[in-house]
C-alpha cells in the first residue's frame, strides 16, 4: 500500500448528474482509469497541475471545504482503493462529510476495500453501443451485490445506437436490486436520438427510472 495519492484536481461545484443533481459537492478527480469509453469527455490524466498528497495533507484539503459531500470521481477512483481505505479508516469520522463514489462498476474487489466508508455509490452500467467496449452483466451484478450494502443507484449513458437487448438487460439488473436507474443521454445529443422512445422502452420493463442529462453542461459549470 502506498501512503500517497496523486490527484488531477480538487474543486467545489454542483453535482450535475443523477438524483443528487444541484447539490454542492467537493469533487476529487483521480488520475487513472481502467477503461477507454469512446464517449468519455473527462481529462483525468496527470499534468503539471496534478498534486500528490500524503494522508495528512489530503485530509487538510478536504476538511477545508464547507461542502457536506465529497465526490470521488475520475478516471476511476477505485484504482486508488488501497490509499482510500486507509485514509477513510484514519479520517472518515473527523472529516464529517458524506462520501460519494462515482465508479465504472468493474472493480468489485477494490470496492470491498472501501465499502464500509462509502455512503453513496453511483455505478455505471456500461453499454457496448455507447462505450465501444464489451462488458458482461455478471461484472455489474457482482459489483451491485456488494454495493447494495449502501445507498446505490445505476447510471446508463446511451445514444441512438442503444439496442432493445441492452435496455432489457440494464432494466433487469436494476430491478433485481430494486435500485434507481438513471438514464443519461450521451452529450451532445444526436438529432437521431428519440428520448421518448428510449424512456418508454425502459419504463415498460422497470418503473424506478429517471431521465437526467448532464445538467452542469447546460448551466456551464464544472
Protein backbone atom coordinates (compact mmCIF):
# COMPACT_ATOMS: atom_id res chain seq x y z
CA UNK A 1 0.00 0.00 0.00
CA UNK A 2 1.23 3.46 -0.87
CA UNK A 3 0.87 6.32 1.57
CA UNK A 4 0.39 8.87 -1.19
CA UNK A 5 -2.18 9.68 -3.82
CA UNK A 6 -1.91 11.79 -6.97
CA UNK A 7 -4.98 13.87 -7.75
CA UNK A 8 -5.81 15.60 -11.01
CA UNK A 9 -7.90 18.31 -9.38
CA UNK A 10 -10.00 19.15 -6.33
CA UNK A 11 -12.79 21.69 -6.74
CA UNK A 12 -16.21 22.69 -5.44
CA UNK A 13 -19.20 22.67 -7.76
CA UNK A 14 -22.73 21.36 -8.03
CA UNK A 15 -23.41 17.73 -8.78
CA UNK A 16 -24.60 17.65 -12.39
CA UNK A 17 -25.62 14.01 -12.74
CA UNK A 18 -28.04 11.59 -11.11
CA UNK A 19 -30.51 12.04 -8.24
CA UNK A 20 -28.24 14.43 -6.31
CA UNK A 21 -28.18 16.93 -9.15
CA UNK A 22 -27.89 20.50 -7.88
CA UNK A 23 -26.20 19.58 -4.57
CA UNK A 24 -22.97 21.34 -3.67
CA UNK A 25 -20.14 18.85 -3.51
CA UNK A 26 -16.36 18.81 -3.26
CA UNK A 27 -15.06 16.90 -6.28
CA UNK A 28 -11.85 14.88 -6.08
CA UNK A 29 -10.73 13.73 -9.53
CA UNK A 30 -8.28 10.84 -9.59
CA UNK A 31 -5.77 10.30 -12.37
CA UNK A 32 -6.21 6.73 -13.59
CA UNK A 33 -8.83 4.68 -15.43
CA UNK A 34 -9.04 1.03 -16.41
CA UNK A 35 -11.45 1.66 -19.29
CA UNK A 36 -11.44 3.60 -22.54
CA UNK A 37 -15.07 4.52 -23.21
CA UNK A 38 -15.49 6.29 -26.52
CA UNK A 39 -17.86 8.89 -25.04
CA UNK A 40 -15.50 9.90 -22.21
CA UNK A 41 -15.24 13.68 -22.04
CA UNK A 42 -13.08 13.93 -18.91
CA UNK A 43 -9.41 14.85 -18.77
CA UNK A 44 -8.13 12.75 -15.88
CA UNK A 45 -4.50 12.33 -16.96
CA UNK A 46 -1.68 13.71 -14.85
CA UNK A 47 -0.32 17.10 -15.86
CA UNK A 48 1.70 19.90 -14.30
CA UNK A 49 -1.31 20.90 -12.18
CA UNK A 50 -1.75 17.46 -10.62
CA UNK A 51 -0.73 17.17 -6.98
CA UNK A 52 0.44 14.34 -4.76
CA UNK A 53 -0.76 14.17 -1.15
CA UNK A 54 0.02 12.08 1.88
CA UNK A 55 -2.76 11.16 4.32
CA UNK A 56 -2.46 14.26 6.48
CA UNK A 57 -2.20 16.68 3.55
CA UNK A 58 -5.19 15.10 1.84
CA UNK A 59 -7.29 15.40 4.98
CA UNK A 60 -6.44 19.08 5.43
CA UNK A 61 -7.50 19.88 1.86
CA UNK A 62 -10.81 18.01 2.11
CA UNK A 63 -11.58 19.38 5.57
CA UNK A 64 -11.16 22.97 4.36
CA UNK A 65 -14.28 22.77 2.17
CA UNK A 66 -17.71 23.53 3.66
CA UNK A 67 -19.39 21.12 1.22
CA UNK A 68 -21.17 18.35 3.09
CA UNK A 69 -20.37 15.69 0.47
CA UNK A 70 -17.08 14.66 -1.13
CA UNK A 71 -17.48 13.12 -4.58
CA UNK A 72 -14.65 10.84 -5.63
CA UNK A 73 -14.61 10.71 -9.41
CA UNK A 74 -12.12 10.20 -12.18
CA UNK A 75 -10.98 8.40 -14.09
CA UNK A 76 -11.75 5.53 -11.77
CA UNK A 77 -11.29 6.30 -8.07
CA UNK A 78 -11.41 2.64 -7.05
CA UNK A 79 -7.97 2.24 -8.60
CA UNK A 80 -6.84 4.18 -5.50
CA UNK A 81 -8.69 1.83 -3.14
CA UNK A 82 -5.64 0.93 -1.08
CA UNK A 83 -4.87 4.56 -0.26
CA UNK A 84 -8.52 5.49 0.20
CA UNK A 85 -9.35 2.59 2.51
CA UNK A 86 -6.53 3.56 4.87
CA UNK A 87 -7.38 7.25 4.57
CA UNK A 88 -11.03 6.67 5.42
CA UNK A 89 -10.08 4.41 8.30
CA UNK A 90 -7.99 7.21 9.79
CA UNK A 91 -10.05 10.25 8.92
CA UNK A 92 -13.66 9.47 7.90
CA UNK A 93 -15.12 10.34 11.29
CA UNK A 94 -13.06 13.51 11.60
CA UNK A 95 -13.88 14.59 8.08
CA UNK A 96 -17.60 14.65 8.92
CA UNK A 97 -18.69 14.56 5.28
CA UNK A 98 -20.63 12.06 3.20
CA UNK A 99 -18.52 10.04 0.76
CA UNK A 100 -19.99 9.83 -2.75
CA UNK A 101 -18.29 7.34 -5.06
CA UNK A 102 -18.62 7.59 -8.85
CA UNK A 103 -17.42 4.33 -10.38
CA UNK A 104 -17.49 2.34 -13.60
CA UNK A 105 -18.56 -0.76 -11.69
CA UNK A 106 -15.85 -3.15 -12.86
CA UNK A 107 -13.69 -3.25 -9.71
CA UNK A 108 -15.63 -5.25 -7.16
CA UNK A 109 -12.54 -6.38 -5.21
CA UNK A 110 -11.46 -2.76 -4.79
CA UNK A 111 -15.00 -1.80 -3.78
CA UNK A 112 -14.80 -4.32 -0.94
CA UNK A 113 -11.82 -2.39 0.44
CA UNK A 114 -13.76 0.87 0.84
CA UNK A 115 -17.41 -0.19 1.13
CA UNK A 116 -17.50 0.32 4.90
CA UNK A 117 -16.65 4.01 4.48
CA UNK A 118 -18.73 4.97 1.43
CA UNK A 119 -22.20 6.47 1.83
CA UNK A 120 -23.48 6.80 -1.75
CA UNK A 121 -22.45 4.85 -4.85
CA UNK A 122 -23.11 5.93 -8.41
CA UNK A 123 -22.34 2.92 -10.61
CA UNK A 124 -22.33 2.92 -14.39
CA UNK A 125 -23.89 0.11 -16.38
CA UNK A 126 -21.66 0.27 -19.43
CA UNK A 127 -23.29 -0.43 -22.79
CA UNK A 128 -21.32 -1.64 -25.79
CA UNK A 129 -23.38 0.61 -28.06
CA UNK A 130 -22.20 3.72 -26.19
CA UNK A 131 -18.74 2.76 -24.96
CA UNK A 132 -17.46 0.67 -27.85
CA UNK A 133 -16.40 -1.94 -25.29
CA UNK A 134 -17.84 -5.35 -24.47
CA UNK A 135 -18.99 -5.95 -20.90
CA UNK A 136 -20.59 -8.88 -19.15
CA UNK A 137 -23.57 -8.02 -16.98
CA UNK A 138 -22.19 -10.53 -14.49
CA UNK A 139 -19.50 -7.94 -13.74
CA UNK A 140 -22.05 -5.32 -12.72
CA UNK A 141 -24.16 -7.93 -10.94
CA UNK A 142 -21.23 -8.91 -8.74
CA UNK A 143 -20.49 -5.24 -8.07
CA UNK A 144 -24.06 -4.43 -7.07
CA UNK A 145 -24.17 -7.46 -4.79
CA UNK A 146 -21.53 -5.69 -2.69
CA UNK A 147 -22.71 -2.12 -3.29
CA UNK A 148 -26.24 -2.93 -2.09
CA UNK A 149 -24.96 -2.55 1.48
CA UNK A 150 -25.07 1.20 0.90
CA UNK A 151 -27.23 3.73 -0.95
CA UNK A 152 -26.61 2.92 -4.60
CA UNK A 153 -28.04 3.81 -7.98
CA UNK A 154 -27.04 2.84 -11.50
CA UNK A 155 -26.45 5.17 -14.42
CA UNK A 156 -26.77 4.25 -18.09
CA UNK A 157 -25.17 6.53 -20.67
CA UNK A 158 -26.83 5.89 -24.01
CA UNK A 159 -27.14 7.22 -27.54
CA UNK A 160 -29.24 6.44 -30.61
CA UNK A 161 -27.46 3.09 -31.01
CA UNK A 162 -28.87 1.56 -27.82
CA UNK A 163 -30.40 -1.85 -28.52
CA UNK A 164 -33.53 -3.47 -27.15
CA UNK A 165 -31.43 -6.21 -25.59
CA UNK A 166 -29.30 -3.64 -23.76
CA UNK A 167 -32.43 -1.96 -22.43
CA UNK A 168 -33.77 -5.29 -21.21
CA UNK A 169 -30.51 -6.30 -19.56
CA UNK A 170 -29.99 -2.96 -17.78
CA UNK A 171 -33.60 -2.82 -16.58
CA UNK A 172 -33.46 -6.43 -15.38
CA UNK A 173 -30.31 -5.78 -13.39
CA UNK A 174 -31.73 -2.64 -11.76
CA UNK A 175 -34.95 -4.48 -10.94
CA UNK A 176 -33.04 -7.35 -9.31
CA UNK A 177 -31.57 -4.94 -6.76
CA UNK A 178 -34.56 -2.57 -6.66
CA UNK A 179 -32.34 0.45 -7.33
CA UNK A 180 -32.90 3.70 -9.15
CA UNK A 181 -31.83 3.55 -12.80
CA UNK A 182 -30.71 6.92 -14.19
CA UNK A 183 -30.89 7.27 -17.95
CA UNK A 184 -28.27 9.77 -19.12
CA UNK A 185 -28.22 10.67 -22.83
CA UNK A 186 -24.76 10.99 -24.32
CA UNK A 187 -23.78 14.62 -24.86
CA UNK A 188 -24.03 16.32 -27.23
CA UNK A 189 -27.29 14.61 -28.08
CA UNK A 190 -27.76 13.37 -31.62
CA UNK A 191 -30.85 14.53 -33.51
CA UNK A 192 -31.36 10.85 -34.29
CA UNK A 193 -31.96 10.05 -30.63
CA UNK A 194 -35.63 9.65 -29.70
CA UNK A 195 -35.68 10.22 -25.95
CA UNK A 196 -39.38 9.48 -25.55
CA UNK A 197 -39.00 6.13 -27.28
CA UNK A 198 -35.99 5.05 -25.22
CA UNK A 199 -37.62 6.17 -21.97
CA UNK A 200 -40.83 4.27 -22.70
CA UNK A 201 -38.93 1.11 -23.58
CA UNK A 202 -37.16 1.24 -20.23
CA UNK A 203 -40.35 2.19 -18.40
CA UNK A 204 -42.22 -0.77 -19.84
CA UNK A 205 -39.70 -3.04 -18.12
CA UNK A 206 -38.90 -1.13 -14.92
CA UNK A 207 -40.62 1.83 -13.32
CA UNK A 208 -37.93 3.19 -10.98
CA UNK A 209 -36.14 5.21 -13.63
CA UNK A 210 -35.32 8.86 -14.24
CA UNK A 211 -34.14 10.61 -17.38
CA UNK A 212 -31.47 13.09 -16.25
CA UNK A 213 -28.99 14.72 -18.64
CA UNK A 214 -25.67 16.22 -17.57
CA UNK A 215 -27.17 19.34 -16.02
CA UNK A 216 -23.83 21.02 -15.33
CA UNK A 217 -23.25 21.28 -19.07
CA UNK A 218 -26.48 23.22 -19.52
CA UNK A 219 -25.54 25.51 -16.63
CA UNK A 220 -21.97 25.92 -17.92
CA UNK A 221 -20.37 24.92 -14.63
CA UNK A 222 -17.71 22.32 -13.93
